[in-house]
Amino acid sequence: RRLVPVLIIASSPETADGLVDRLRQRARSILAGCNTSDLIRSLSQREYDRSPALYKDNLRASTRTLSKNSSGPKEFRITVTDPTGARGTDYQMVDEEADRLGGFMLIMMHVPPSKRDWIQFK
């Protein structure tokens, strides 16, 4: 999270929602005063169904630094998505250093059964 944004791909919208809740709870317990809703963003199909505008905001924020102060240490968000956010979604890396390092740290919670999906995930 200090060098590149983190993208976690869960197996389903339900799994993604549960993971977002657990990560936010954990962050609250160790990071006093942290806005966990900003640190850990949901980008699941359910989020899109609830609010397309919020989904788009989360998509844009997923590759941007968390800290507003350019002189302080750089931190990135953790974004949790389901397969719909992993396939056909264009993430625009705006941080040049993170882009140079390869973009997202990708954590896959499952291997998709479809070869086409696997190719898109990579």
Protein backbone atom coordinates (compact mmCIF):
# COMPACT_ATOMS: atom_id res chain seq x y z
CA ARG A 1 0.00 0.00 0.00
CA ARG A 2 2.95 2.30 0.34
CA LEU A 3 4.25 1.71 -3.17
CA VAL A 4 1.20 0.75 -5.23
CA PRO A 5 -2.57 0.49 -4.80
CA VAL A 6 -4.00 -2.90 -3.81
CA LEU A 7 -6.79 -4.61 -5.76
CA ILE A 8 -8.40 -7.68 -4.21
CA ILE A 9 -10.63 -9.78 -6.45
CA ALA A 10 -13.18 -11.78 -4.46
CA SER A 11 -15.13 -14.68 -5.91
CA SER A 12 -18.56 -13.02 -5.62
CA PRO A 13 -20.27 -9.75 -4.63
CA GLU A 14 -21.23 -11.33 -1.28
CA THR A 15 -17.63 -12.31 -0.57
CA ALA A 16 -16.41 -8.85 -1.59
CA ASP A 17 -18.89 -7.12 0.76
CA GLY A 18 -17.90 -9.37 3.66
CA LEU A 19 -14.21 -8.77 3.03
CA VAL A 20 -14.70 -4.99 2.91
CA ASP A 21 -16.46 -5.16 6.29
CA ARG A 22 -13.74 -7.31 7.87
CA LEU A 23 -10.90 -5.16 6.50
CA ARG A 24 -12.56 -1.97 7.74
CA GLN A 25 -13.06 -3.48 11.20
CA ARG A 26 -9.42 -4.52 11.33
CA ALA A 27 -8.23 -1.11 10.12
CA ARG A 28 -10.34 0.64 12.78
CA SER A 29 -8.72 -1.48 15.49
CA ILE A 30 -5.14 -0.66 14.47
CA LEU A 31 -5.35 2.75 12.77
CA ALA A 32 -6.93 5.20 15.22
CA GLY A 33 -8.66 8.09 13.48
CA CYS A 34 -8.40 6.55 10.03
CA ASN A 35 -11.32 6.99 7.63
CA THR A 36 -11.69 3.30 6.84
CA SER A 37 -14.38 3.95 4.22
CA ASP A 38 -11.82 5.93 2.24
CA LEU A 39 -8.94 3.55 2.89
CA ILE A 40 -10.86 0.42 1.90
CA ARG A 41 -13.17 0.89 -1.07
CA SER A 42 -15.79 -1.44 -2.48
CA LEU A 43 -16.03 -1.89 -6.21
CA SER A 44 -18.45 -4.79 -6.45
CA GLN A 45 -21.48 -5.27 -8.68
CA ARG A 46 -23.67 -4.62 -5.65
CA GLU A 47 -22.01 -1.22 -5.21
CA TYR A 48 -22.79 -0.39 -8.84
CA ASP A 49 -26.39 -1.52 -8.40
CA ARG A 50 -26.79 0.69 -5.30
CA SER A 51 -25.14 3.79 -6.74
CA PRO A 52 -23.46 3.99 -10.16
CA ALA A 53 -22.06 7.43 -9.25
CA LEU A 54 -20.41 6.13 -6.06
CA TYR A 55 -19.07 3.14 -8.00
CA LYS A 56 -17.42 5.50 -10.49
CA ASP A 57 -15.96 7.60 -7.66
CA ASN A 58 -14.52 4.45 -6.10
CA LEU A 59 -13.11 3.36 -9.45
CA ARG A 60 -11.32 6.69 -9.90
CA ALA A 61 -10.08 6.71 -6.30
CA SER A 62 -8.75 3.15 -6.51
CA THR A 63 -5.55 4.23 -8.26
CA ARG A 64 -4.98 7.55 -6.50
CA THR A 65 -2.99 8.15 -3.35
CA LEU A 66 -4.88 8.29 -0.09
CA SER A 67 -2.85 11.16 1.35
CA LYS A 68 -3.69 14.65 0.10
CA ASN A 69 -0.35 16.05 1.29
CA SER A 70 2.28 15.56 -1.41
CA SER A 71 5.14 16.12 1.04
CA GLY A 72 4.06 13.33 3.41
CA PRO A 73 4.47 9.59 2.97
CA LYS A 74 2.53 8.14 0.06
CA GLU A 75 -0.24 5.68 0.81
CA PHE A 76 -2.68 4.01 -1.53
CA ARG A 77 -6.15 2.61 -1.05
CA ILE A 78 -7.20 -1.00 -0.89
CA THR A 79 -9.98 -1.77 -3.36
CA VAL A 80 -12.08 -4.92 -3.12
CA THR A 81 -14.00 -6.05 -6.17
CA ASP A 82 -15.72 -9.11 -7.53
CA PRO A 83 -15.19 -10.64 -10.99
CA THR A 84 -17.25 -7.85 -12.64
CA GLY A 85 -14.66 -5.30 -11.48
CA ALA A 86 -11.82 -7.48 -12.70
CA ARG A 87 -13.00 -8.06 -16.23
CA GLY A 88 -13.46 -5.20 -18.67
CA THR A 89 -12.86 -2.44 -16.11
CA ASP A 90 -10.31 0.21 -17.07
CA TYR A 91 -8.21 1.31 -14.12
CA GLN A 92 -6.22 4.44 -14.91
CA MET A 93 -2.99 4.59 -12.93
CA VAL A 94 -2.32 8.27 -12.28
CA ASP A 95 0.73 7.88 -10.05
CA GLU A 96 3.79 7.60 -12.31
CA GLU A 97 5.92 5.78 -9.74
CA ALA A 98 3.21 3.20 -9.04
CA ASP A 99 2.71 2.77 -12.79
CA ARG A 100 6.45 2.25 -13.27
CA LEU A 101 6.35 -0.43 -10.54
CA GLY A 102 3.63 -2.32 -12.42
CA GLY A 103 0.42 -0.74 -11.16
CA PHE A 104 -1.78 -2.65 -8.75
CA MET A 105 -0.75 -5.30 -6.29
CA LEU A 106 -3.30 -7.88 -7.36
CA ILE A 107 -4.63 -10.35 -4.80
CA MET A 108 -6.94 -12.98 -6.23
CA MET A 109 -9.13 -14.87 -3.79
CA HIS A 110 -10.03 -17.45 -6.42
CA VAL A 111 -8.89 -18.69 -9.80
CA PRO A 112 -11.67 -18.21 -12.35
CA PRO A 113 -12.79 -21.39 -14.13
CA SER A 114 -12.95 -19.64 -17.51
CA LYS A 115 -9.72 -19.27 -19.46
CA ARG A 116 -11.06 -15.99 -20.92
CA ASP A 117 -11.60 -14.58 -17.41
CA TRP A 118 -8.13 -15.73 -16.30
CA ILE A 119 -6.55 -13.92 -19.24
CA GLN A 120 -8.46 -10.74 -18.38
CA PHE A 121 -7.43 -10.95 -14.70
CA LYS A 122 -3.74 -11.20 -15.61
